[in-house]
Amino acid sequence: MISREEALNLLVEHLSGEKRKHSVLVSKIMKKLAENFGENKTKWELTGLLHDLDYEITRGAREQHGIIAAKMLEGRLSEDCLHAIMAHDHRTGVKPVTLIDKALIVSDMIAVLISEVASRIGYERIPRMKMDDIKEELKRELLFKEKLGVGLVKICKELDLTLEGLIKLAVESLIEDQNQG
């Protein structure tokens, strides 16, 4: 399996700064979800880190987004991780089936919402905010992205997670990361 350092080097090689930041955020959330579900944290973290590796390559062909990344990572990640990467964007036609597939989708979605909130209030403020205030900010963001919210709630239910539970885990992953750094 690829190391975290090798994965970060691939991100630098293939993604712009904002997309790298997004991928790191997704990886933190995936690691926290793995802990929550009793799964392999390293494996899930790497899946989150590398899920958008082909994002800039597939700019004009989003139906390939995830498919090309999985091909780039063959032999470096397990088959279930590669399937999750292929299934995280509905346009590929690859259906999310497993726990890791669905966890990657919700991690990606909640990371987008966190980034939207952070662009307004600043990333550094999020870990210091009260959980209820963060939830309100994210719910407010969901109102503007109704389609995203419906999909997020649906997949959370499939994972036996509430939206509030997902938000709590996502924010905890940010707080833990800030406390370690």
C-alpha atoms as a PDB file:
ATOM      1  CA  MET A   1       0.000   0.000   0.000  1.00  0.00           C
ATOM      2  CA  ILE A   2       1.154   3.506  -0.793  1.00  0.00           C
ATOM      3  CA  SER A   3       2.482   5.567   2.122  1.00  0.00           C
ATOM      4  CA  ARG A   4       0.899   8.831   3.231  1.00  0.00           C
ATOM      5  CA  GLU A   5       4.059  10.681   2.172  1.00  0.00           C
ATOM      6  CA  GLU A   6       3.913   9.162  -1.321  1.00  0.00           C
ATOM      7  CA  ALA A   7       0.212  10.038  -1.527  1.00  0.00           C
ATOM      8  CA  LEU A   8       0.907  13.654  -0.565  1.00  0.00           C
ATOM      9  CA  ASN A   9       3.626  13.812  -3.228  1.00  0.00           C
ATOM     10  CA  LEU A  10       1.110  12.600  -5.817  1.00  0.00           C
ATOM     11  CA  LEU A  11      -1.297  15.341  -4.739  1.00  0.00           C
ATOM     12  CA  VAL A  12       1.390  17.994  -5.196  1.00  0.00           C
ATOM     13  CA  GLU A  13       2.184  16.562  -8.621  1.00  0.00           C
ATOM     14  CA  HIS A  14      -1.414  16.352  -9.875  1.00  0.00           C
ATOM     15  CA  LEU A  15      -3.609  18.875  -8.020  1.00  0.00           C
ATOM     16  CA  SER A  16      -3.802  22.619  -7.441  1.00  0.00           C
ATOM     17  CA  GLY A  17      -3.613  24.080  -3.935  1.00  0.00           C
ATOM     18  CA  GLU A  18      -7.370  24.321  -3.291  1.00  0.00           C
ATOM     19  CA  LYS A  19      -8.058  20.801  -4.509  1.00  0.00           C
ATOM     20  CA  ARG A  20      -5.166  19.498  -2.384  1.00  0.00           C
ATOM     21  CA  LYS A  21      -6.647  21.248   0.654  1.00  0.00           C
ATOM     22  CA  HIS A  22     -10.013  19.636  -0.118  1.00  0.00           C
ATOM     23  CA  SER A  23      -8.413  16.187  -0.457  1.00  0.00           C
ATOM     24  CA  VAL A  24      -6.618  16.537   2.873  1.00  0.00           C
ATOM     25  CA  LEU A  25      -9.896  17.549   4.527  1.00  0.00           C
ATOM     26  CA  VAL A  26     -11.678  14.528   3.023  1.00  0.00           C
ATOM     27  CA  SER A  27      -8.866  12.283   4.299  1.00  0.00           C
ATOM     28  CA  LYS A  28      -9.259  13.616   7.849  1.00  0.00           C
ATOM     29  CA  ILE A  29     -12.994  12.971   7.778  1.00  0.00           C
ATOM     30  CA  MET A  30     -12.478   9.492   6.303  1.00  0.00           C
ATOM     31  CA  LYS A  31     -10.000   8.640   9.052  1.00  0.00           C
ATOM     32  CA  LYS A  32     -12.536   9.723  11.684  1.00  0.00           C
ATOM     33  CA  LEU A  33     -15.310   7.712  10.015  1.00  0.00           C
ATOM     34  CA  ALA A  34     -13.046   4.639   9.897  1.00  0.00           C
ATOM     35  CA  GLU A  35     -12.499   5.008  13.627  1.00  0.00           C
ATOM     36  CA  ASN A  36     -16.260   5.362  14.144  1.00  0.00           C
ATOM     37  CA  PHE A  37     -17.007   2.206  12.119  1.00  0.00           C
ATOM     38  CA  GLY A  38     -14.061   0.175  13.438  1.00  0.00           C
ATOM     39  CA  GLU A  39     -12.338   0.108  10.038  1.00  0.00           C
ATOM     40  CA  ASN A  40      -8.706   0.518   8.949  1.00  0.00           C
ATOM     41  CA  LYS A  41      -7.937   4.218   9.528  1.00  0.00           C
ATOM     42  CA  THR A  42      -4.832   4.321   7.315  1.00  0.00           C
ATOM     43  CA  LYS A  43      -6.607   2.716   4.376  1.00  0.00           C
ATOM     44  CA  TRP A  44      -9.609   5.022   4.640  1.00  0.00           C
ATOM     45  CA  GLU A  45      -7.423   8.097   5.115  1.00  0.00           C
ATOM     46  CA  LEU A  46      -5.437   7.267   1.959  1.00  0.00           C
ATOM     47  CA  THR A  47      -8.646   6.696   0.002  1.00  0.00           C
ATOM     48  CA  GLY A  48      -9.876  10.145   1.009  1.00  0.00           C
ATOM     49  CA  LEU A  49      -6.524  11.721   0.273  1.00  0.00           C
ATOM     50  CA  LEU A  50      -6.328  10.289  -3.257  1.00  0.00           C
ATOM     51  CA  HIS A  51      -9.993  10.311  -4.317  1.00  0.00           C
ATOM     52  CA  ASP A  52      -9.626  13.402  -6.537  1.00  0.00           C
ATOM     53  CA  LEU A  53      -6.172  12.617  -7.924  1.00  0.00           C
ATOM     54  CA  ASP A  54      -7.477  12.820 -11.506  1.00  0.00           C
ATOM     55  CA  TYR A  55      -9.650  15.910 -10.944  1.00  0.00           C
ATOM     56  CA  GLU A  56      -7.647  18.234 -13.183  1.00  0.00           C
ATOM     57  CA  ILE A  57      -6.977  15.538 -15.796  1.00  0.00           C
ATOM     58  CA  THR A  58     -10.717  14.844 -16.164  1.00  0.00           C
ATOM     59  CA  ARG A  59     -11.802  18.484 -16.251  1.00  0.00           C
ATOM     60  CA  GLY A  60     -13.574  18.024 -19.606  1.00  0.00           C
ATOM     61  CA  ALA A  61     -14.750  14.455 -18.990  1.00  0.00           C
ATOM     62  CA  ARG A  62     -16.216  14.167 -15.499  1.00  0.00           C
ATOM     63  CA  GLU A  63     -17.710  10.760 -16.306  1.00  0.00           C
ATOM     64  CA  GLN A  64     -14.093   9.547 -16.102  1.00  0.00           C
ATOM     65  CA  HIS A  65     -13.425  11.268 -12.745  1.00  0.00           C
ATOM     66  CA  GLY A  66     -12.434   8.544 -10.325  1.00  0.00           C
ATOM     67  CA  ILE A  67     -11.984   5.934 -13.050  1.00  0.00           C
ATOM     68  CA  ILE A  68      -8.672   7.423 -14.174  1.00  0.00           C
ATOM     69  CA  ALA A  69      -7.561   7.986 -10.567  1.00  0.00           C
ATOM     70  CA  ALA A  70      -8.225   4.313  -9.811  1.00  0.00           C
ATOM     71  CA  LYS A  71      -6.133   3.286 -12.829  1.00  0.00           C
ATOM     72  CA  MET A  72      -3.333   5.588 -11.667  1.00  0.00           C
ATOM     73  CA  LEU A  73      -3.430   3.915  -8.246  1.00  0.00           C
ATOM     74  CA  GLU A  74      -3.720   0.251  -9.287  1.00  0.00           C
ATOM     75  CA  GLY A  75      -1.389  -1.858  -7.188  1.00  0.00           C
ATOM     76  CA  ARG A  76      -0.945   0.980  -4.687  1.00  0.00           C
ATOM     77  CA  LEU A  77      -4.349   0.789  -2.992  1.00  0.00           C
ATOM     78  CA  SER A  78      -6.588  -2.207  -2.327  1.00  0.00           C
ATOM     79  CA  GLU A  79      -9.467  -3.025  -4.671  1.00  0.00           C
ATOM     80  CA  ASP A  80     -12.104  -1.769  -2.226  1.00  0.00           C
ATOM     81  CA  CYS A  81     -10.344   1.602  -2.006  1.00  0.00           C
ATOM     82  CA  LEU A  82     -10.143   1.817  -5.806  1.00  0.00           C
ATOM     83  CA  HIS A  83     -13.846   0.976  -6.087  1.00  0.00           C
ATOM     84  CA  ALA A  84     -14.705   3.721  -3.583  1.00  0.00           C
ATOM     85  CA  ILE A  85     -12.699   6.222  -5.641  1.00  0.00           C
ATOM     86  CA  MET A  86     -14.522   5.157  -8.827  1.00  0.00           C
ATOM     87  CA  ALA A  87     -17.942   5.276  -7.115  1.00  0.00           C
ATOM     88  CA  HIS A  88     -17.563   8.650  -5.379  1.00  0.00           C
ATOM     89  CA  ASP A  89     -18.797  10.603  -8.436  1.00  0.00           C
ATOM     90  CA  HIS A  90     -22.187   9.411  -9.712  1.00  0.00           C
ATOM     91  CA  ARG A  91     -21.300  10.412 -13.276  1.00  0.00           C
ATOM     92  CA  THR A  92     -18.994   7.382 -13.607  1.00  0.00           C
ATOM     93  CA  GLY A  93     -21.935   5.002 -13.353  1.00  0.00           C
ATOM     94  CA  VAL A  94     -20.061   2.973 -10.715  1.00  0.00           C
ATOM     95  CA  LYS A  95     -22.523   2.256  -7.907  1.00  0.00           C
ATOM     96  CA  PRO A  96     -21.540   2.783  -4.271  1.00  0.00           C
ATOM     97  CA  VAL A  97     -22.094  -0.513  -2.482  1.00  0.00           C
ATOM     98  CA  THR A  98     -19.720  -0.892   0.448  1.00  0.00           C
ATOM     99  CA  LEU A  99     -19.261   1.058   3.642  1.00  0.00           C
ATOM    100  CA  ILE A 100     -16.066   2.695   2.358  1.00  0.00           C
ATOM    101  CA  ASP A 101     -17.811   3.672  -0.918  1.00  0.00           C
ATOM    102  CA  LYS A 102     -20.568   5.489   0.924  1.00  0.00           C
ATOM    103  CA  ALA A 103     -18.239   6.953   3.544  1.00  0.00           C
ATOM    104  CA  LEU A 104     -16.126   8.531   0.800  1.00  0.00           C
ATOM    105  CA  ILE A 105     -19.195  10.103  -0.781  1.00  0.00           C
ATOM    106  CA  VAL A 106     -20.412  11.690   2.467  1.00  0.00           C
ATOM    107  CA  SER A 107     -16.870  12.747   3.415  1.00  0.00           C
ATOM    108  CA  ASP A 108     -16.493  14.470   0.054  1.00  0.00           C
ATOM    109  CA  MET A 109     -19.883  16.168   0.386  1.00  0.00           C
ATOM    110  CA  ILE A 110     -19.377  17.395   3.947  1.00  0.00           C
ATOM    111  CA  ALA A 111     -15.868  18.600   3.058  1.00  0.00           C
ATOM    112  CA  VAL A 112     -17.377  20.747   0.295  1.00  0.00           C
ATOM    113  CA  LEU A 113     -19.778  22.279   2.831  1.00  0.00           C
ATOM    114  CA  ILE A 114     -17.015  22.854   5.388  1.00  0.00           C
ATOM    115  CA  SER A 115     -14.930  24.549   2.693  1.00  0.00           C
ATOM    116  CA  GLU A 116     -17.841  26.822   1.800  1.00  0.00           C
ATOM    117  CA  VAL A 117     -18.274  27.827   5.437  1.00  0.00           C
ATOM    118  CA  ALA A 118     -14.507  28.219   5.867  1.00  0.00           C
ATOM    119  CA  SER A 119     -14.307  30.508   2.849  1.00  0.00           C
ATOM    120  CA  ARG A 120     -16.702  32.831   4.677  1.00  0.00           C
ATOM    121  CA  ILE A 121     -15.383  32.600   8.224  1.00  0.00           C
ATOM    122  CA  GLY A 122     -11.858  31.132   7.883  1.00  0.00           C
ATOM    123  CA  TYR A 123     -10.602  27.562   8.435  1.00  0.00           C
ATOM    124  CA  GLU A 124      -8.759  28.533  11.600  1.00  0.00           C
ATOM    125  CA  ARG A 125     -12.025  29.603  13.274  1.00  0.00           C
ATOM    126  CA  ILE A 126     -13.892  26.344  12.715  1.00  0.00           C
ATOM    127  CA  PRO A 127     -12.125  24.191  15.362  1.00  0.00           C
ATOM    128  CA  ARG A 128     -12.583  26.961  17.955  1.00  0.00           C
ATOM    129  CA  MET A 129     -16.314  27.381  17.330  1.00  0.00           C
ATOM    130  CA  LYS A 130     -18.984  25.718  19.435  1.00  0.00           C
ATOM    131  CA  MET A 131     -20.385  22.559  17.854  1.00  0.00           C
ATOM    132  CA  ASP A 132     -23.913  24.030  17.686  1.00  0.00           C
ATOM    133  CA  ASP A 133     -22.637  27.108  15.823  1.00  0.00           C
ATOM    134  CA  ILE A 134     -20.783  24.934  13.322  1.00  0.00           C
ATOM    135  CA  LYS A 135     -23.857  22.772  12.788  1.00  0.00           C
ATOM    136  CA  GLU A 136     -25.937  25.878  12.151  1.00  0.00           C
ATOM    137  CA  GLU A 137     -23.396  27.200   9.629  1.00  0.00           C
ATOM    138  CA  LEU A 138     -23.340  23.869   7.798  1.00  0.00           C
ATOM    139  CA  LYS A 139     -27.138  23.555   7.835  1.00  0.00           C
ATOM    140  CA  ARG A 140     -27.394  27.102   6.467  1.00  0.00           C
ATOM    141  CA  GLU A 141     -24.997  26.104   3.687  1.00  0.00           C
ATOM    142  CA  LEU A 142     -27.131  23.017   2.982  1.00  0.00           C
ATOM    143  CA  LEU A 143     -30.192  25.204   2.444  1.00  0.00           C
ATOM    144  CA  PHE A 144     -28.378  26.825  -0.485  1.00  0.00           C
ATOM    145  CA  LYS A 145     -27.370  23.434  -1.847  1.00  0.00           C
ATOM    146  CA  GLU A 146     -30.653  21.559  -1.536  1.00  0.00           C
ATOM    147  CA  LYS A 147     -29.730  18.791  -4.006  1.00  0.00           C
ATOM    148  CA  LEU A 148     -26.459  18.118  -2.164  1.00  0.00           C
ATOM    149  CA  GLY A 149     -28.304  18.055   1.148  1.00  0.00           C
ATOM    150  CA  VAL A 150     -30.851  15.484  -0.014  1.00  0.00           C
ATOM    151  CA  GLY A 151     -28.085  13.186  -1.273  1.00  0.00           C
ATOM    152  CA  LEU A 152     -26.056  13.659   1.875  1.00  0.00           C
ATOM    153  CA  VAL A 153     -28.970  12.805   4.170  1.00  0.00           C
ATOM    154  CA  LYS A 154     -29.855   9.744   2.044  1.00  0.00           C
ATOM    155  CA  ILE A 155     -26.350   8.271   2.194  1.00  0.00           C
ATOM    156  CA  CYS A 156     -25.999   9.132   5.892  1.00  0.00           C
ATOM    157  CA  LYS A 157     -29.121   7.012   6.511  1.00  0.00           C
ATOM    158  CA  GLU A 158     -27.563   4.145   4.544  1.00  0.00           C
ATOM    159  CA  LEU A 159     -24.552   4.422   6.860  1.00  0.00           C
ATOM    160  CA  ASP A 160     -26.841   4.530   9.911  1.00  0.00           C
ATOM    161  CA  LEU A 161     -25.525   8.035  10.648  1.00  0.00           C
ATOM    162  CA  THR A 162     -27.500  11.205  11.193  1.00  0.00           C
ATOM    163  CA  LEU A 163     -26.468  14.400   9.445  1.00  0.00           C
ATOM    164  CA  GLU A 164     -25.687  15.822  12.882  1.00  0.00           C
ATOM    165  CA  GLY A 165     -23.551  12.771  13.637  1.00  0.00           C
ATOM    166  CA  LEU A 166     -21.598  13.230  10.408  1.00  0.00           C
ATOM    167  CA  ILE A 167     -21.083  16.928  11.114  1.00  0.00           C
ATOM    168  CA  LYS A 168     -19.879  16.110  14.631  1.00  0.00           C
ATOM    169  CA  LEU A 169     -17.357  13.544  13.349  1.00  0.00           C
ATOM    170  CA  ALA A 170     -16.155  15.909  10.611  1.00  0.00           C
ATOM    171  CA  VAL A 171     -15.608  18.758  13.052  1.00  0.00           C
ATOM    172  CA  GLU A 172     -13.913  16.432  15.551  1.00  0.00           C
ATOM    173  CA  SER A 173     -11.482  15.421  12.798  1.00  0.00           C
ATOM    174  CA  LEU A 174     -10.566  19.091  12.319  1.00  0.00           C
ATOM    175  CA  ILE A 175     -10.178  19.694  16.049  1.00  0.00           C
ATOM    176  CA  GLU A 176      -8.004  16.596  16.502  1.00  0.00           C
ATOM    177  CA  ASP A 177      -5.838  17.632  13.573  1.00  0.00           C
ATOM    178  CA  GLN A 178      -5.385  21.136  14.986  1.00  0.00           C
ATOM    179  CA  ASN A 179      -4.501  19.716  18.414  1.00  0.00           C
ATOM    180  CA  GLN A 180      -1.856  17.452  16.846  1.00  0.00           C
ATOM    181  CA  GLY A 181      -0.343  20.257  14.767  1.00  0.00           C
END
